[in-house]
Amino acid sequence: MSAGVPRAVLIGPPGSGKTTVGRLLAQRLGVAFRDTDADVEDTAGKPVADIFVEDGEPRFRELEREAVTTALACHPGVLALGGGAIMDEHTQRALEGYVAGGGTVVFLDVSLAHAAPRVGFNQSRPLLVGNPRARWVELMQARRPTYERLATVHVVSDERPPHEVAAQVHAALRGSSAQQGAAQHDAAAGTSAQEVQS
């Protein structure tokens, strides 16, 4: 895996703990943390909620797509994506390419019962306005198949403190690195054997 791409990409619904767990994971790895929602806000010069209201969701998704593409190409730390980012086809292809290159995509899963108190269903989350609980369930049902398809690691964050979740993800990353190292060693050994035979 290239040194310029993320060590891990976190995906999941609002309330799954992507930002909190992502920061803790980055500390464990000794790398920087980056959140594409924050990148979008920096680019637009205003909060996500204001982008939705003033510019519309299509404009937000356009900015989000650009933020994800940029971060996947050049952020060598831990990256958290907005909950709906994975529904964009360009982003899906970018994540598939990232995984094909040895990257790790972590799906932080959470139930509504545990997401609700974390999110608070406040007005800063424009897609949850109206009946926030019903809307959260609706969005999760639509997005879950894509979360599961893109993820290489699936971690449930219910009833667990963020540091435990971060520790589990960290362990999964170490295991993935070990497997990659073994595969590279086997490939090198196979090449040597072929050279000897020829």
N, C-alpha and C. Protein backbone atom coordinates (compact mmCIF):
# COMPACT_ATOMS: atom_id res chain seq x y z
N MET A 1 0.84 -1.19 0.00
CA MET A 1 0.00 0.00 0.00
C MET A 1 0.88 1.24 0.00
N SER A 2 0.52 2.23 -0.79
CA SER A 2 1.30 3.46 -0.91
C SER A 2 1.32 4.23 0.41
N ALA A 3 2.45 4.88 0.69
CA ALA A 3 2.60 5.63 1.94
C ALA A 3 1.71 6.87 1.98
N GLY A 4 1.21 7.30 0.83
CA GLY A 4 0.42 8.52 0.78
C GLY A 4 -1.07 8.32 0.93
N VAL A 5 -1.51 7.10 1.14
CA VAL A 5 -2.95 6.85 1.28
C VAL A 5 -3.28 6.51 2.74
N PRO A 6 -4.57 6.59 3.12
CA PRO A 6 -4.96 6.37 4.51
C PRO A 6 -4.59 4.99 5.06
N ARG A 7 -4.27 4.98 6.34
CA ARG A 7 -4.04 3.70 7.02
C ARG A 7 -5.37 2.97 7.20
N ALA A 8 -6.44 3.75 7.37
CA ALA A 8 -7.78 3.17 7.51
C ALA A 8 -8.82 4.22 7.16
N VAL A 9 -9.92 3.76 6.57
CA VAL A 9 -11.05 4.63 6.26
C VAL A 9 -12.26 4.13 7.05
N LEU A 10 -12.88 5.02 7.81
CA LEU A 10 -14.03 4.65 8.62
C LEU A 10 -15.32 5.10 7.95
N ILE A 11 -16.26 4.17 7.83
CA ILE A 11 -17.57 4.46 7.26
C ILE A 11 -18.64 4.00 8.25
N GLY A 12 -19.84 4.55 8.13
CA GLY A 12 -20.92 4.15 9.02
C GLY A 12 -21.92 5.27 9.19
N PRO A 13 -23.04 4.99 9.86
CA PRO A 13 -24.12 5.98 10.00
C PRO A 13 -23.81 7.02 11.06
N PRO A 14 -24.60 8.09 11.12
CA PRO A 14 -24.46 9.06 12.20
C PRO A 14 -24.63 8.37 13.54
N GLY A 15 -23.75 8.69 14.48
CA GLY A 15 -23.84 8.09 15.80
C GLY A 15 -23.02 6.83 15.98
N SER A 16 -22.34 6.39 14.93
CA SER A 16 -21.54 5.16 15.04
C SER A 16 -20.20 5.43 15.72
N GLY A 17 -19.80 6.69 15.79
CA GLY A 17 -18.54 7.02 16.48
C GLY A 17 -17.35 7.21 15.56
N LYS A 18 -17.60 7.50 14.30
CA LYS A 18 -16.48 7.60 13.34
C LYS A 18 -15.44 8.65 13.75
N THR A 19 -15.91 9.81 14.18
CA THR A 19 -14.97 10.87 14.54
C THR A 19 -14.23 10.55 15.83
N THR A 20 -14.96 10.14 16.86
CA THR A 20 -14.34 9.85 18.16
C THR A 20 -13.38 8.66 18.05
N VAL A 21 -13.86 7.58 17.46
CA VAL A 21 -13.02 6.38 17.30
C VAL A 21 -11.86 6.69 16.36
N GLY A 22 -12.14 7.45 15.31
CA GLY A 22 -11.09 7.79 14.35
C GLY A 22 -9.95 8.55 15.00
N ARG A 23 -10.27 9.50 15.87
CA ARG A 23 -9.23 10.28 16.56
C ARG A 23 -8.40 9.37 17.47
N LEU A 24 -9.09 8.49 18.20
CA LEU A 24 -8.38 7.56 19.10
C LEU A 24 -7.50 6.59 18.32
N LEU A 25 -8.01 6.11 17.20
CA LEU A 25 -7.23 5.19 16.36
C LEU A 25 -6.00 5.90 15.80
N ALA A 26 -6.19 7.14 15.36
CA ALA A 26 -5.06 7.91 14.83
C ALA A 26 -3.99 8.09 15.90
N GLN A 27 -4.40 8.33 17.14
CA GLN A 27 -3.44 8.47 18.24
C GLN A 27 -2.66 7.17 18.43
N ARG A 28 -3.36 6.05 18.39
CA ARG A 28 -2.70 4.75 18.54
C ARG A 28 -1.67 4.51 17.44
N LEU A 29 -2.01 4.94 16.24
CA LEU A 29 -1.14 4.71 15.09
C LEU A 29 -0.06 5.79 14.94
N GLY A 30 -0.23 6.89 15.67
CA GLY A 30 0.73 7.98 15.56
C GLY A 30 0.62 8.73 14.24
N VAL A 31 -0.63 8.85 13.75
CA VAL A 31 -0.86 9.54 12.47
C VAL A 31 -1.94 10.60 12.66
N ALA A 32 -2.19 11.38 11.62
CA ALA A 32 -3.21 12.43 11.68
C ALA A 32 -4.60 11.87 11.39
N PHE A 33 -5.61 12.57 11.92
CA PHE A 33 -7.00 12.21 11.66
C PHE A 33 -7.61 13.24 10.73
N ARG A 34 -8.47 12.79 9.83
CA ARG A 34 -9.12 13.70 8.89
C ARG A 34 -10.57 13.28 8.71
N ASP A 35 -11.46 14.26 8.64
CA ASP A 35 -12.89 14.03 8.49
C ASP A 35 -13.35 14.77 7.24
N THR A 36 -13.97 14.06 6.30
CA THR A 36 -14.35 14.72 5.04
C THR A 36 -15.45 15.77 5.23
N ASP A 37 -16.30 15.62 6.26
CA ASP A 37 -17.30 16.66 6.53
C ASP A 37 -16.60 17.97 6.88
N ALA A 38 -15.53 17.88 7.67
CA ALA A 38 -14.77 19.09 8.04
C ALA A 38 -14.10 19.69 6.80
N ASP A 39 -13.62 18.81 5.91
CA ASP A 39 -13.01 19.30 4.67
C ASP A 39 -14.02 20.06 3.82
N VAL A 40 -15.24 19.52 3.75
CA VAL A 40 -16.31 20.17 2.98
C VAL A 40 -16.62 21.53 3.57
N GLU A 41 -16.72 21.59 4.89
CA GLU A 41 -17.02 22.86 5.55
C GLU A 41 -15.91 23.88 5.30
N ASP A 42 -14.66 23.43 5.32
CA ASP A 42 -13.54 24.33 5.06
C ASP A 42 -13.61 24.89 3.63
N THR A 43 -13.93 24.01 2.68
CA THR A 43 -14.02 24.43 1.29
C THR A 43 -15.16 25.41 1.06
N ALA A 44 -16.31 25.10 1.65
CA ALA A 44 -17.50 25.92 1.45
C ALA A 44 -17.51 27.18 2.32
N GLY A 45 -16.75 27.13 3.41
CA GLY A 45 -16.73 28.27 4.31
C GLY A 45 -17.97 28.38 5.17
N LYS A 46 -18.68 27.25 5.34
CA LYS A 46 -19.88 27.26 6.18
C LYS A 46 -20.21 25.83 6.62
N PRO A 47 -21.04 25.68 7.65
CA PRO A 47 -21.38 24.35 8.16
C PRO A 47 -22.15 23.51 7.13
N VAL A 48 -22.08 22.20 7.31
CA VAL A 48 -22.80 21.28 6.43
C VAL A 48 -24.29 21.63 6.37
N ALA A 49 -24.90 21.91 7.51
CA ALA A 49 -26.33 22.23 7.54
C ALA A 49 -26.65 23.43 6.66
N ASP A 50 -25.78 24.43 6.67
CA ASP A 50 -26.01 25.62 5.84
C ASP A 50 -25.84 25.32 4.36
N ILE A 51 -24.91 24.42 4.04
CA ILE A 51 -24.73 24.03 2.63
C ILE A 51 -26.01 23.39 2.11
N PHE A 52 -26.61 22.50 2.92
CA PHE A 52 -27.86 21.83 2.53
C PHE A 52 -28.96 22.86 2.29
N VAL A 53 -29.10 23.80 3.22
CA VAL A 53 -30.19 24.78 3.15
C VAL A 53 -29.99 25.78 2.02
N GLU A 54 -28.76 26.31 1.92
CA GLU A 54 -28.49 27.39 0.98
C GLU A 54 -28.14 26.92 -0.43
N ASP A 55 -27.46 25.79 -0.52
CA ASP A 55 -26.97 25.33 -1.82
C ASP A 55 -27.62 24.03 -2.31
N GLY A 56 -28.24 23.29 -1.38
CA GLY A 56 -28.90 22.04 -1.75
C GLY A 56 -28.01 20.82 -1.56
N GLU A 57 -28.65 19.66 -1.40
CA GLU A 57 -27.90 18.43 -1.19
C GLU A 57 -26.99 18.08 -2.37
N PRO A 58 -27.43 18.28 -3.65
CA PRO A 58 -26.52 17.94 -4.76
C PRO A 58 -25.18 18.66 -4.68
N ARG A 59 -25.20 19.94 -4.28
CA ARG A 59 -23.95 20.68 -4.14
C ARG A 59 -23.10 20.11 -3.01
N PHE A 60 -23.76 19.76 -1.90
CA PHE A 60 -23.02 19.14 -0.79
C PHE A 60 -22.36 17.84 -1.26
N ARG A 61 -23.10 17.01 -1.98
CA ARG A 61 -22.55 15.73 -2.42
C ARG A 61 -21.39 15.93 -3.40
N GLU A 62 -21.47 16.97 -4.20
CA GLU A 62 -20.38 17.29 -5.12
C GLU A 62 -19.11 17.65 -4.34
N LEU A 63 -19.27 18.51 -3.34
CA LEU A 63 -18.13 18.88 -2.50
C LEU A 63 -17.59 17.68 -1.73
N GLU A 64 -18.51 16.83 -1.27
CA GLU A 64 -18.12 15.64 -0.52
C GLU A 64 -17.32 14.68 -1.39
N ARG A 65 -17.78 14.48 -2.62
CA ARG A 65 -17.08 13.60 -3.55
C ARG A 65 -15.64 14.08 -3.78
N GLU A 66 -15.50 15.38 -3.96
CA GLU A 66 -14.16 15.95 -4.17
C GLU A 66 -13.29 15.77 -2.93
N ALA A 67 -13.89 15.97 -1.75
CA ALA A 67 -13.14 15.83 -0.50
C ALA A 67 -12.66 14.39 -0.30
N VAL A 68 -13.54 13.42 -0.59
CA VAL A 68 -13.18 12.01 -0.43
C VAL A 68 -12.07 11.63 -1.42
N THR A 69 -12.23 12.03 -2.66
CA THR A 69 -11.24 11.70 -3.69
C THR A 69 -9.86 12.25 -3.31
N THR A 70 -9.83 13.50 -2.87
CA THR A 70 -8.57 14.13 -2.47
C THR A 70 -7.93 13.42 -1.29
N ALA A 71 -8.73 13.16 -0.25
CA ALA A 71 -8.21 12.53 0.96
C ALA A 71 -7.71 11.11 0.72
N LEU A 72 -8.43 10.36 -0.11
CA LEU A 72 -8.00 8.99 -0.41
C LEU A 72 -6.66 8.97 -1.14
N ALA A 73 -6.38 10.03 -1.88
CA ALA A 73 -5.15 10.08 -2.66
C ALA A 73 -3.95 10.58 -1.87
N CYS A 74 -4.19 11.36 -0.81
CA CYS A 74 -3.03 12.01 -0.20
C CYS A 74 -2.99 12.06 1.33
N HIS A 75 -3.99 11.50 2.01
CA HIS A 75 -3.97 11.56 3.48
C HIS A 75 -3.43 10.26 4.06
N PRO A 76 -2.21 10.28 4.64
CA PRO A 76 -1.60 9.05 5.13
C PRO A 76 -1.97 8.70 6.58
N GLY A 77 -3.15 9.12 7.01
CA GLY A 77 -3.57 8.84 8.38
C GLY A 77 -4.87 8.07 8.43
N VAL A 78 -5.73 8.44 9.38
CA VAL A 78 -7.05 7.82 9.52
C VAL A 78 -8.07 8.79 8.94
N LEU A 79 -8.96 8.27 8.11
CA LEU A 79 -9.94 9.09 7.41
C LEU A 79 -11.36 8.64 7.75
N ALA A 80 -12.21 9.59 8.14
CA ALA A 80 -13.63 9.30 8.41
C ALA A 80 -14.47 9.95 7.33
N LEU A 81 -15.40 9.18 6.76
CA LEU A 81 -16.28 9.70 5.73
C LEU A 81 -17.66 10.02 6.31
N GLY A 82 -18.33 11.02 5.73
CA GLY A 82 -19.70 11.32 6.13
C GLY A 82 -20.58 10.10 5.88
N GLY A 83 -21.66 9.98 6.65
CA GLY A 83 -22.51 8.80 6.59
C GLY A 83 -23.02 8.42 5.22
N GLY A 84 -23.34 9.42 4.38
CA GLY A 84 -23.90 9.13 3.07
C GLY A 84 -22.90 9.14 1.94
N ALA A 85 -21.63 9.39 2.24
CA ALA A 85 -20.62 9.51 1.17
C ALA A 85 -20.52 8.26 0.32
N ILE A 86 -20.74 7.11 0.95
CA ILE A 86 -20.55 5.83 0.25
C ILE A 86 -21.64 5.55 -0.78
N MET A 87 -22.69 6.36 -0.82
CA MET A 87 -23.75 6.14 -1.80
C MET A 87 -23.41 6.74 -3.16
N ASP A 88 -22.34 7.51 -3.24
CA ASP A 88 -21.89 8.08 -4.50
C ASP A 88 -21.10 7.03 -5.28
N GLU A 89 -21.43 6.80 -6.54
CA GLU A 89 -20.79 5.74 -7.32
C GLU A 89 -19.30 6.00 -7.51
N HIS A 90 -18.92 7.26 -7.72
CA HIS A 90 -17.50 7.59 -7.87
C HIS A 90 -16.74 7.24 -6.59
N THR A 91 -17.33 7.56 -5.45
CA THR A 91 -16.70 7.26 -4.16
C THR A 91 -16.61 5.76 -3.95
N GLN A 92 -17.64 5.03 -4.35
CA GLN A 92 -17.59 3.57 -4.23
C GLN A 92 -16.42 3.00 -5.02
N ARG A 93 -16.26 3.47 -6.25
CA ARG A 93 -15.15 2.98 -7.08
C ARG A 93 -13.80 3.35 -6.47
N ALA A 94 -13.72 4.56 -5.91
CA ALA A 94 -12.48 5.00 -5.30
C ALA A 94 -12.13 4.13 -4.09
N LEU A 95 -13.14 3.79 -3.29
CA LEU A 95 -12.90 2.93 -2.13
C LEU A 95 -12.53 1.52 -2.56
N GLU A 96 -13.16 1.03 -3.61
CA GLU A 96 -12.82 -0.30 -4.12
C GLU A 96 -11.37 -0.34 -4.59
N GLY A 97 -10.94 0.75 -5.25
CA GLY A 97 -9.55 0.83 -5.68
C GLY A 97 -8.59 0.91 -4.51
N TYR A 98 -8.99 1.65 -3.48
CA TYR A 98 -8.19 1.77 -2.26
C TYR A 98 -8.02 0.39 -1.61
N VAL A 99 -9.10 -0.37 -1.52
CA VAL A 99 -9.04 -1.71 -0.93
C VAL A 99 -8.19 -2.64 -1.79
N ALA A 100 -8.35 -2.54 -3.10
CA ALA A 100 -7.57 -3.38 -4.01
C ALA A 100 -6.07 -3.13 -3.84
N GLY A 101 -5.72 -1.91 -3.43
CA GLY A 101 -4.32 -1.57 -3.21
C GLY A 101 -3.84 -1.92 -1.81
N GLY A 102 -4.66 -2.60 -1.04
CA GLY A 102 -4.26 -3.03 0.30
C GLY A 102 -4.85 -2.21 1.42
N GLY A 103 -5.75 -1.28 1.12
CA GLY A 103 -6.34 -0.43 2.14
C GLY A 103 -7.40 -1.13 2.98
N THR A 104 -7.70 -0.55 4.14
CA THR A 104 -8.68 -1.11 5.06
C THR A 104 -9.86 -0.15 5.23
N VAL A 105 -11.07 -0.63 4.94
CA VAL A 105 -12.29 0.15 5.14
C VAL A 105 -13.05 -0.47 6.30
N VAL A 106 -13.27 0.32 7.35
CA VAL A 106 -13.90 -0.16 8.57
C VAL A 106 -15.34 0.34 8.65
N PHE A 107 -16.29 -0.59 8.70
CA PHE A 107 -17.70 -0.24 8.89
C PHE A 107 -17.98 -0.23 10.38
N LEU A 108 -18.19 0.97 10.96
CA LEU A 108 -18.59 1.08 12.36
C LEU A 108 -20.11 1.00 12.40
N ASP A 109 -20.59 -0.11 12.89
CA ASP A 109 -22.02 -0.40 12.92
C ASP A 109 -22.59 0.00 14.28
N VAL A 110 -23.83 0.42 14.30
CA VAL A 110 -24.48 0.81 15.55
C VAL A 110 -25.99 0.69 15.38
N SER A 111 -26.67 0.38 16.48
CA SER A 111 -28.13 0.31 16.45
C SER A 111 -28.72 1.68 16.74
N LEU A 112 -29.98 1.86 16.38
CA LEU A 112 -30.66 3.13 16.63
C LEU A 112 -30.64 3.48 18.12
N ALA A 113 -30.85 2.47 18.97
CA ALA A 113 -30.92 2.72 20.42
C ALA A 113 -29.64 3.36 20.94
N HIS A 114 -28.51 2.99 20.37
CA HIS A 114 -27.24 3.54 20.83
C HIS A 114 -26.81 4.76 20.01
N ALA A 115 -27.30 4.87 18.79
CA ALA A 115 -26.96 6.04 17.98
C ALA A 115 -27.70 7.27 18.46
N ALA A 116 -28.96 7.08 18.89
CA ALA A 116 -29.81 8.23 19.25
C ALA A 116 -29.19 9.14 20.30
N PRO A 117 -28.73 8.61 21.45
CA PRO A 117 -28.17 9.53 22.45
C PRO A 117 -26.85 10.17 22.00
N ARG A 118 -26.12 9.49 21.14
CA ARG A 118 -24.86 10.06 20.65
C ARG A 118 -25.11 11.20 19.67
N VAL A 119 -26.08 10.99 18.79
CA VAL A 119 -26.36 11.99 17.77
C VAL A 119 -27.18 13.13 18.35
N GLY A 120 -28.16 12.78 19.21
CA GLY A 120 -29.03 13.80 19.75
C GLY A 120 -30.05 14.27 18.73
N PHE A 121 -29.91 13.78 17.48
CA PHE A 121 -30.81 14.14 16.39
C PHE A 121 -31.06 15.65 16.35
N ASN A 122 -29.94 16.39 16.32
CA ASN A 122 -30.06 17.84 16.32
C ASN A 122 -30.15 18.40 14.91
N GLN A 123 -30.34 19.71 14.82
CA GLN A 123 -30.56 20.34 13.52
C GLN A 123 -29.31 20.44 12.66
N SER A 124 -28.13 20.09 13.23
CA SER A 124 -26.92 20.15 12.42
C SER A 124 -26.84 18.96 11.46
N ARG A 125 -27.80 18.03 11.57
CA ARG A 125 -27.84 16.87 10.68
C ARG A 125 -29.08 17.01 9.80
N PRO A 126 -28.95 17.70 8.69
CA PRO A 126 -30.12 18.05 7.87
C PRO A 126 -30.92 16.88 7.35
N LEU A 127 -30.29 15.74 7.12
CA LEU A 127 -31.05 14.60 6.59
C LEU A 127 -31.93 13.94 7.65
N LEU A 128 -31.75 14.34 8.91
CA LEU A 128 -32.54 13.74 9.99
C LEU A 128 -33.66 14.66 10.48
N VAL A 129 -33.86 15.79 9.80
CA VAL A 129 -34.91 16.73 10.19
C VAL A 129 -36.29 16.11 9.92
N GLY A 130 -37.24 16.42 10.79
CA GLY A 130 -38.59 15.89 10.62
C GLY A 130 -38.85 14.85 11.69
N ASN A 131 -38.86 13.58 11.30
CA ASN A 131 -38.96 12.48 12.26
C ASN A 131 -37.58 11.82 12.27
N PRO A 132 -36.66 12.31 13.11
CA PRO A 132 -35.27 11.87 13.02
C PRO A 132 -35.04 10.38 13.22
N ARG A 133 -35.77 9.77 14.15
CA ARG A 133 -35.56 8.33 14.38
C ARG A 133 -35.99 7.51 13.16
N ALA A 134 -37.16 7.82 12.64
CA ALA A 134 -37.64 7.09 11.46
C ALA A 134 -36.71 7.34 10.26
N ARG A 135 -36.26 8.57 10.14
CA ARG A 135 -35.37 8.92 9.02
C ARG A 135 -34.04 8.20 9.14
N TRP A 136 -33.50 8.09 10.37
CA TRP A 136 -32.24 7.39 10.60
C TRP A 136 -32.37 5.92 10.17
N VAL A 137 -33.47 5.30 10.59
CA VAL A 137 -33.70 3.89 10.24
C VAL A 137 -33.81 3.73 8.73
N GLU A 138 -34.53 4.64 8.09
CA GLU A 138 -34.71 4.60 6.64
C GLU A 138 -33.37 4.73 5.91
N LEU A 139 -32.56 5.68 6.35
CA LEU A 139 -31.24 5.88 5.73
C LEU A 139 -30.35 4.66 5.95
N MET A 140 -30.38 4.11 7.16
CA MET A 140 -29.53 2.97 7.49
C MET A 140 -29.92 1.75 6.65
N GLN A 141 -31.22 1.54 6.48
CA GLN A 141 -31.66 0.41 5.66
C GLN A 141 -31.18 0.56 4.21
N ALA A 142 -31.20 1.79 3.71
CA ALA A 142 -30.77 2.03 2.33
C ALA A 142 -29.25 1.89 2.18
N ARG A 143 -28.53 2.29 3.21
CA ARG A 143 -27.07 2.33 3.11
C ARG A 143 -26.37 1.06 3.57
N ARG A 144 -27.00 0.27 4.46
CA ARG A 144 -26.32 -0.88 5.05
C ARG A 144 -25.69 -1.82 4.02
N PRO A 145 -26.41 -2.20 2.95
CA PRO A 145 -25.78 -3.12 1.98
C PRO A 145 -24.48 -2.56 1.40
N THR A 146 -24.43 -1.25 1.20
CA THR A 146 -23.23 -0.64 0.64
C THR A 146 -22.12 -0.58 1.69
N TYR A 147 -22.48 -0.25 2.93
CA TYR A 147 -21.49 -0.28 4.01
C TYR A 147 -20.85 -1.67 4.07
N GLU A 148 -21.70 -2.69 4.07
CA GLU A 148 -21.21 -4.07 4.23
C GLU A 148 -20.38 -4.52 3.03
N ARG A 149 -20.79 -4.09 1.84
CA ARG A 149 -20.07 -4.50 0.63
C ARG A 149 -18.67 -3.87 0.56
N LEU A 150 -18.57 -2.62 0.96
CA LEU A 150 -17.30 -1.91 0.83
C LEU A 150 -16.32 -2.22 1.97
N ALA A 151 -16.84 -2.62 3.12
CA ALA A 151 -15.99 -2.81 4.29
C ALA A 151 -15.13 -4.06 4.23
N THR A 152 -13.91 -3.92 4.74
CA THR A 152 -13.04 -5.08 4.92
C THR A 152 -13.01 -5.49 6.40
N VAL A 153 -13.47 -4.59 7.26
CA VAL A 153 -13.56 -4.86 8.70
C VAL A 153 -14.91 -4.33 9.18
N HIS A 154 -15.62 -5.14 9.97
CA HIS A 154 -16.95 -4.76 10.48
C HIS A 154 -16.89 -4.77 12.00
N VAL A 155 -17.11 -3.62 12.62
CA VAL A 155 -17.05 -3.51 14.08
C VAL A 155 -18.34 -2.89 14.60
N VAL A 156 -18.96 -3.53 15.58
CA VAL A 156 -20.18 -3.00 16.20
C VAL A 156 -19.77 -2.17 17.41
N SER A 157 -20.27 -0.93 17.45
CA SER A 157 -19.86 -0.02 18.53
C SER A 157 -20.87 0.10 19.66
N ASP A 158 -21.95 -0.68 19.61
CA ASP A 158 -22.98 -0.64 20.67
C ASP A 158 -22.37 -0.98 22.04
N GLU A 159 -22.82 -0.24 23.08
CA GLU A 159 -22.49 -0.55 24.48
C GLU A 159 -21.00 -0.69 24.73
N ARG A 160 -20.17 0.00 23.94
CA ARG A 160 -18.73 -0.11 24.14
C ARG A 160 -18.12 1.28 24.12
N PRO A 161 -17.20 1.56 25.04
CA PRO A 161 -16.55 2.86 25.03
C PRO A 161 -15.68 3.01 23.78
N PRO A 162 -15.52 4.22 23.29
CA PRO A 162 -14.75 4.44 22.05
C PRO A 162 -13.34 3.86 22.07
N HIS A 163 -12.68 3.90 23.23
CA HIS A 163 -11.30 3.39 23.25
C HIS A 163 -11.25 1.89 22.99
N GLU A 164 -12.29 1.16 23.41
CA GLU A 164 -12.34 -0.29 23.13
C GLU A 164 -12.57 -0.55 21.65
N VAL A 165 -13.44 0.25 21.05
CA VAL A 165 -13.70 0.11 19.62
C VAL A 165 -12.43 0.42 18.83
N ALA A 166 -11.74 1.49 19.22
CA ALA A 166 -10.50 1.86 18.55
C ALA A 166 -9.45 0.76 18.69
N ALA A 167 -9.41 0.14 19.86
CA ALA A 167 -8.46 -0.94 20.09
C ALA A 167 -8.76 -2.14 19.19
N GLN A 168 -10.05 -2.44 19.00
CA GLN A 168 -10.43 -3.55 18.12
C GLN A 168 -10.04 -3.26 16.68
N VAL A 169 -10.29 -2.03 16.24
CA VAL A 169 -9.92 -1.67 14.87
C VAL A 169 -8.40 -1.72 14.71
N HIS A 170 -7.69 -1.24 15.72
CA HIS A 170 -6.22 -1.26 15.68
C HIS A 170 -5.71 -2.70 15.55
N ALA A 171 -6.31 -3.60 16.33
CA ALA A 171 -5.91 -5.01 16.27
C ALA A 171 -6.19 -5.60 14.89
N ALA A 172 -7.33 -5.21 14.30
CA ALA A 172 -7.66 -5.69 12.96
C ALA A 172 -6.66 -5.19 11.93
N LEU A 173 -6.22 -3.94 12.09
CA LEU A 173 -5.22 -3.39 11.18
C LEU A 173 -3.89 -4.12 11.31
N ARG A 174 -3.50 -4.44 12.53
CA ARG A 174 -2.25 -5.18 12.73
C ARG A 174 -2.35 -6.56 12.10
N GLY A 175 -3.53 -7.19 12.27
CA GLY A 175 -3.72 -8.51 11.67
C GLY A 175 -3.67 -8.44 10.16
N SER A 176 -4.26 -7.40 9.59
CA SER A 176 -4.26 -7.21 8.15
C SER A 176 -2.84 -7.00 7.63
N SER A 177 -2.06 -6.21 8.37
CA SER A 177 -0.67 -5.95 7.97
C SER A 177 0.15 -7.23 8.00
N ALA A 178 -0.11 -8.05 9.03
CA ALA A 178 0.62 -9.31 9.15
C ALA A 178 0.28 -10.24 7.99
N GLN A 179 -1.01 -10.28 7.62
CA GLN A 179 -1.44 -11.13 6.51
C GLN A 179 -0.82 -10.67 5.20
N GLN A 180 -0.77 -9.35 5.00
CA GLN A 180 -0.17 -8.81 3.79
C GLN A 180 1.31 -9.14 3.72
N GLY A 181 1.97 -9.03 4.88
CA GLY A 181 3.40 -9.35 4.93
C GLY A 181 3.65 -10.81 4.60
N ALA A 182 2.79 -11.69 5.12
CA ALA A 182 2.93 -13.12 4.85
C ALA A 182 2.68 -13.41 3.37
N ALA A 183 1.68 -12.74 2.80
CA ALA A 183 1.37 -12.94 1.38
C ALA A 183 2.53 -12.48 0.51
N GLN A 184 3.13 -11.34 0.86
CA GLN A 184 4.27 -10.84 0.10
C GLN A 184 5.45 -11.78 0.23
N HIS A 185 5.65 -12.33 1.44
CA HIS A 185 6.75 -13.29 1.65
C HIS A 185 6.53 -14.55 0.82
N ASP A 186 5.27 -15.05 0.82
CA ASP A 186 4.95 -16.25 0.04
C ASP A 186 5.15 -15.99 -1.45
N ALA A 187 4.74 -14.81 -1.90
CA ALA A 187 4.89 -14.47 -3.31
C ALA A 187 6.37 -14.42 -3.69
N ALA A 188 7.18 -13.83 -2.81
CA ALA A 188 8.62 -13.75 -3.07
C ALA A 188 9.24 -15.14 -3.08
N ALA A 189 8.80 -16.00 -2.14
CA ALA A 189 9.32 -17.36 -2.07
C ALA A 189 8.93 -18.13 -3.32
N GLY A 190 7.70 -17.90 -3.79
CA GLY A 190 7.24 -18.58 -5.00
C GLY A 190 8.06 -18.15 -6.20
N THR A 191 8.39 -16.87 -6.27
CA THR A 191 9.21 -16.37 -7.38
C THR A 191 10.59 -17.00 -7.35
N SER A 192 11.17 -17.12 -6.13
CA SER A 192 12.50 -17.71 -6.02
C SER A 192 12.48 -19.16 -6.45
N ALA A 193 11.40 -19.87 -6.06
CA ALA A 193 11.28 -21.28 -6.42
C ALA A 193 11.18 -21.42 -7.94
N GLN A 194 10.42 -20.53 -8.57
CA GLN A 194 10.27 -20.60 -10.01
C GLN A 194 11.61 -20.33 -10.72
N GLU A 195 12.36 -19.38 -10.13
CA GLU A 195 13.65 -19.06 -10.74
C GLU A 195 14.60 -20.26 -10.64
N VAL A 196 14.53 -20.96 -9.49
CA VAL A 196 15.40 -22.12 -9.30
C VAL A 196 15.03 -23.22 -10.29
N GLN A 197 13.72 -23.44 -10.47
CA GLN A 197 13.26 -24.49 -11.36
C GLN A 197 13.64 -24.17 -12.81
N SER A 198 13.58 -22.91 -13.19
CA SER A 198 13.88 -22.55 -14.55
C SER A 198 15.39 -22.42 -14.72
